[in-house]
Amino acid sequence: MRKKSSYPKEFKARVAFEVLKGDKTMAELSSEYEVHSNMILRWKK
């Protein structure tokens, strides 16, 4: 079983900002940052 990961606030903010810019798709960002797309959507809120 995997250990729950925690990400720094700066990392979350950077990824959320990338989503809002709209230059890349959610799938591209998800694979680039190795984070599930649902997690990115949560941070975006």
PDB file of N, CA and C in Angstrom:
ATOM      1  N   MET A   1       0.837  -1.179   0.000  1.00  0.00           N
ATOM      2  CA  MET A   1       0.000   0.000   0.000  1.00  0.00           C
ATOM      3  C   MET A   1       0.887   1.249   0.000  1.00  0.00           C
ATOM      4  N   ARG A   2       0.518   2.226  -0.856  1.00  0.00           N
ATOM      5  CA  ARG A   2       1.333   3.436  -0.964  1.00  0.00           C
ATOM      6  C   ARG A   2       1.086   4.378   0.192  1.00  0.00           C
ATOM      7  N   LYS A   3       2.124   5.085   0.566  1.00  0.00           N
ATOM      8  CA  LYS A   3       2.007   6.111   1.594  1.00  0.00           C
ATOM      9  C   LYS A   3       1.380   7.360   0.979  1.00  0.00           C
ATOM     10  N   LYS A   4       0.533   8.022   1.728  1.00  0.00           N
ATOM     11  CA  LYS A   4      -0.129   9.234   1.249  1.00  0.00           C
ATOM     12  C   LYS A   4       0.913  10.324   1.024  1.00  0.00           C
ATOM     13  N   SER A   5       0.880  10.918  -0.160  1.00  0.00           N
ATOM     14  CA  SER A   5       1.828  11.980  -0.492  1.00  0.00           C
ATOM     15  C   SER A   5       1.281  13.321  -0.047  1.00  0.00           C
ATOM     16  N   SER A   6       2.174  14.198   0.370  1.00  0.00           N
ATOM     17  CA  SER A   6       1.748  15.569   0.640  1.00  0.00           C
ATOM     18  C   SER A   6       2.627  16.482  -0.196  1.00  0.00           C
ATOM     19  N   TYR A   7       2.010  17.496  -0.745  1.00  0.00           N
ATOM     20  CA  TYR A   7       2.701  18.392  -1.657  1.00  0.00           C
ATOM     21  C   TYR A   7       2.784  19.781  -1.035  1.00  0.00           C
ATOM     22  N   PRO A   8       3.885  20.476  -1.246  1.00  0.00           N
ATOM     23  CA  PRO A   8       4.013  21.837  -0.711  1.00  0.00           C
ATOM     24  C   PRO A   8       3.009  22.784  -1.364  1.00  0.00           C
ATOM     25  N   LYS A   9       2.617  23.807  -0.626  1.00  0.00           N
ATOM     26  CA  LYS A   9       1.649  24.781  -1.136  1.00  0.00           C
ATOM     27  C   LYS A   9       2.128  25.437  -2.418  1.00  0.00           C
ATOM     28  N   GLU A  10       3.416  25.694  -2.518  1.00  0.00           N
ATOM     29  CA  GLU A  10       3.973  26.339  -3.709  1.00  0.00           C
ATOM     30  C   GLU A  10       3.789  25.457  -4.945  1.00  0.00           C
ATOM     31  N   PHE A  11       3.993  24.159  -4.766  1.00  0.00           N
ATOM     32  CA  PHE A  11       3.820  23.216  -5.870  1.00  0.00           C
ATOM     33  C   PHE A  11       2.365  23.183  -6.321  1.00  0.00           C
ATOM     34  N   LYS A  12       1.451  23.105  -5.354  1.00  0.00           N
ATOM     35  CA  LYS A  12       0.021  23.082  -5.671  1.00  0.00           C
ATOM     36  C   LYS A  12      -0.385  24.348  -6.415  1.00  0.00           C
ATOM     37  N   ALA A  13       0.107  25.487  -5.942  1.00  0.00           N
ATOM     38  CA  ALA A  13      -0.237  26.765  -6.569  1.00  0.00           C
ATOM     39  C   ALA A  13       0.298  26.830  -7.994  1.00  0.00           C
ATOM     40  N   ARG A  14       1.518  26.348  -8.211  1.00  0.00           N
ATOM     41  CA  ARG A  14       2.116  26.378  -9.546  1.00  0.00           C
ATOM     42  C   ARG A  14       1.317  25.515 -10.523  1.00  0.00           C
ATOM     43  N   VAL A  15       0.929  24.325 -10.077  1.00  0.00           N
ATOM     44  CA  VAL A  15       0.165  23.425 -10.941  1.00  0.00           C
ATOM     45  C   VAL A  15      -1.219  24.014 -11.223  1.00  0.00           C
ATOM     46  N   ALA A  16      -1.875  24.544 -10.201  1.00  0.00           N
ATOM     47  CA  ALA A  16      -3.203  25.144 -10.380  1.00  0.00           C
ATOM     48  C   ALA A  16      -3.131  26.329 -11.335  1.00  0.00           C
ATOM     49  N   PHE A  17      -2.071  27.120 -11.238  1.00  0.00           N
ATOM     50  CA  PHE A  17      -1.910  28.264 -12.133  1.00  0.00           C
ATOM     51  C   PHE A  17      -1.736  27.803 -13.575  1.00  0.00           C
ATOM     52  N   GLU A  18      -0.995  26.716 -13.762  1.00  0.00           N
ATOM     53  CA  GLU A  18      -0.810  26.153 -15.105  1.00  0.00           C
ATOM     54  C   GLU A  18      -2.154  25.752 -15.713  1.00  0.00           C
ATOM     55  N   VAL A  19      -3.034  25.189 -14.887  1.00  0.00           N
ATOM     56  CA  VAL A  19      -4.363  24.798 -15.368  1.00  0.00           C
ATOM     57  C   VAL A  19      -5.137  26.038 -15.797  1.00  0.00           C
ATOM     58  N   LEU A  20      -5.098  27.069 -14.973  1.00  0.00           N
ATOM     59  CA  LEU A  20      -5.852  28.286 -15.263  1.00  0.00           C
ATOM     60  C   LEU A  20      -5.336  29.004 -16.505  1.00  0.00           C
ATOM     61  N   LYS A  21      -4.033  28.905 -16.763  1.00  0.00           N
ATOM     62  CA  LYS A  21      -3.480  29.529 -17.969  1.00  0.00           C
ATOM     63  C   LYS A  21      -4.063  28.896 -19.223  1.00  0.00           C
ATOM     64  N   GLY A  22      -4.302  27.604 -19.175  1.00  0.00           N
ATOM     65  CA  GLY A  22      -4.937  26.911 -20.290  1.00  0.00           C
ATOM     66  C   GLY A  22      -4.019  26.568 -21.448  1.00  0.00           C
ATOM     67  N   ASP A  23      -2.709  26.683 -21.257  1.00  0.00           N
ATOM     68  CA  ASP A  23      -1.770  26.346 -22.329  1.00  0.00           C
ATOM     69  C   ASP A  23      -1.665  24.838 -22.559  1.00  0.00           C
ATOM     70  N   LYS A  24      -1.879  24.055 -21.501  1.00  0.00           N
ATOM     71  CA  LYS A  24      -1.761  22.599 -21.592  1.00  0.00           C
ATOM     72  C   LYS A  24      -3.056  21.957 -21.104  1.00  0.00           C
ATOM     73  N   THR A  25      -3.306  20.749 -21.577  1.00  0.00           N
ATOM     74  CA  THR A  25      -4.488  20.019 -21.132  1.00  0.00           C
ATOM     75  C   THR A  25      -4.243  19.439 -19.739  1.00  0.00           C
ATOM     76  N   MET A  26      -5.338  19.034 -19.105  1.00  0.00           N
ATOM     77  CA  MET A  26      -5.239  18.424 -17.783  1.00  0.00           C
ATOM     78  C   MET A  26      -4.402  17.153 -17.851  1.00  0.00           C
ATOM     79  N   ALA A  27      -4.561  16.372 -18.909  1.00  0.00           N
ATOM     80  CA  ALA A  27      -3.797  15.131 -19.066  1.00  0.00           C
ATOM     81  C   ALA A  27      -2.302  15.418 -19.195  1.00  0.00           C
ATOM     82  N   GLU A  28      -1.956  16.450 -19.936  1.00  0.00           N
ATOM     83  CA  GLU A  28      -0.541  16.814 -20.095  1.00  0.00           C
ATOM     84  C   GLU A  28       0.064  17.227 -18.760  1.00  0.00           C
ATOM     85  N   LEU A  29      -0.661  18.054 -18.015  1.00  0.00           N
ATOM     86  CA  LEU A  29      -0.156  18.493 -16.713  1.00  0.00           C
ATOM     87  C   LEU A  29      -0.067  17.331 -15.736  1.00  0.00           C
ATOM     88  N   SER A  30      -1.048  16.458 -15.787  1.00  0.00           N
ATOM     89  CA  SER A  30      -1.064  15.307 -14.898  1.00  0.00           C
ATOM     90  C   SER A  30       0.163  14.423 -15.117  1.00  0.00           C
ATOM     91  N   SER A  31       0.493  14.162 -16.363  1.00  0.00           N
ATOM     92  CA  SER A  31       1.669  13.323 -16.628  1.00  0.00           C
ATOM     93  C   SER A  31       2.969  14.084 -16.391  1.00  0.00           C
ATOM     94  N   GLU A  32       2.982  15.367 -16.680  1.00  0.00           N
ATOM     95  CA  GLU A  32       4.195  16.165 -16.477  1.00  0.00           C
ATOM     96  C   GLU A  32       4.574  16.247 -14.999  1.00  0.00           C
ATOM     97  N   TYR A  33       3.582  16.478 -14.140  1.00  0.00           N
ATOM     98  CA  TYR A  33       3.846  16.638 -12.707  1.00  0.00           C
ATOM     99  C   TYR A  33       3.650  15.345 -11.921  1.00  0.00           C
ATOM    100  N   GLU A  34       3.249  14.261 -12.621  1.00  0.00           N
ATOM    101  CA  GLU A  34       3.038  12.951 -12.003  1.00  0.00           C
ATOM    102  C   GLU A  34       2.049  13.020 -10.845  1.00  0.00           C
ATOM    103  N   VAL A  35       0.918  13.692 -11.113  1.00  0.00           N
ATOM    104  CA  VAL A  35      -0.151  13.839 -10.138  1.00  0.00           C
ATOM    105  C   VAL A  35      -1.456  13.485 -10.846  1.00  0.00           C
ATOM    106  N   HIS A  36      -2.344  12.796 -10.164  1.00  0.00           N
ATOM    107  CA  HIS A  36      -3.623  12.423 -10.774  1.00  0.00           C
ATOM    108  C   HIS A  36      -4.438  13.673 -11.093  1.00  0.00           C
ATOM    109  N   SER A  37      -5.173  13.622 -12.183  1.00  0.00           N
ATOM    110  CA  SER A  37      -5.944  14.786 -12.630  1.00  0.00           C
ATOM    111  C   SER A  37      -6.999  15.216 -11.609  1.00  0.00           C
ATOM    112  N   ASN A  38      -7.566  14.262 -10.866  1.00  0.00           N
ATOM    113  CA  ASN A  38      -8.536  14.629  -9.827  1.00  0.00           C
ATOM    114  C   ASN A  38      -7.893  15.481  -8.740  1.00  0.00           C
ATOM    115  N   MET A  39      -6.649  15.191  -8.427  1.00  0.00           N
ATOM    116  CA  MET A  39      -5.931  15.969  -7.417  1.00  0.00           C
ATOM    117  C   MET A  39      -5.717  17.397  -7.915  1.00  0.00           C
ATOM    118  N   ILE A  40      -5.369  17.539  -9.178  1.00  0.00           N
ATOM    119  CA  ILE A  40      -5.160  18.871  -9.751  1.00  0.00           C
ATOM    120  C   ILE A  40      -6.465  19.659  -9.725  1.00  0.00           C
ATOM    121  N   LEU A  41      -7.574  19.009 -10.052  1.00  0.00           N
ATOM    122  CA  LEU A  41      -8.874  19.686 -10.004  1.00  0.00           C
ATOM    123  C   LEU A  41      -9.199  20.165  -8.594  1.00  0.00           C
ATOM    124  N   ARG A  42      -8.853  19.367  -7.604  1.00  0.00           N
ATOM    125  CA  ARG A  42      -9.080  19.762  -6.209  1.00  0.00           C
ATOM    126  C   ARG A  42      -8.258  20.996  -5.845  1.00  0.00           C
ATOM    127  N   TRP A  43      -7.017  21.031  -6.290  1.00  0.00           N
ATOM    128  CA  TRP A  43      -6.151  22.173  -5.988  1.00  0.00           C
ATOM    129  C   TRP A  43      -6.633  23.428  -6.688  1.00  0.00           C
ATOM    130  N   LYS A  44      -7.207  23.246  -7.876  1.00  0.00           N
ATOM    131  CA  LYS A  44      -7.677  24.390  -8.655  1.00  0.00           C
ATOM    132  C   LYS A  44      -8.785  25.138  -7.916  1.00  0.00           C
ATOM    133  N   LYS A  45      -9.597  24.414  -7.169  1.00  0.00           N
ATOM    134  CA  LYS A  45     -10.693  25.026  -6.410  1.00  0.00           C
ATOM    135  C   LYS A  45     -10.123  25.887  -5.319  1.00  0.00           C
TER     136      LYS A  45
END
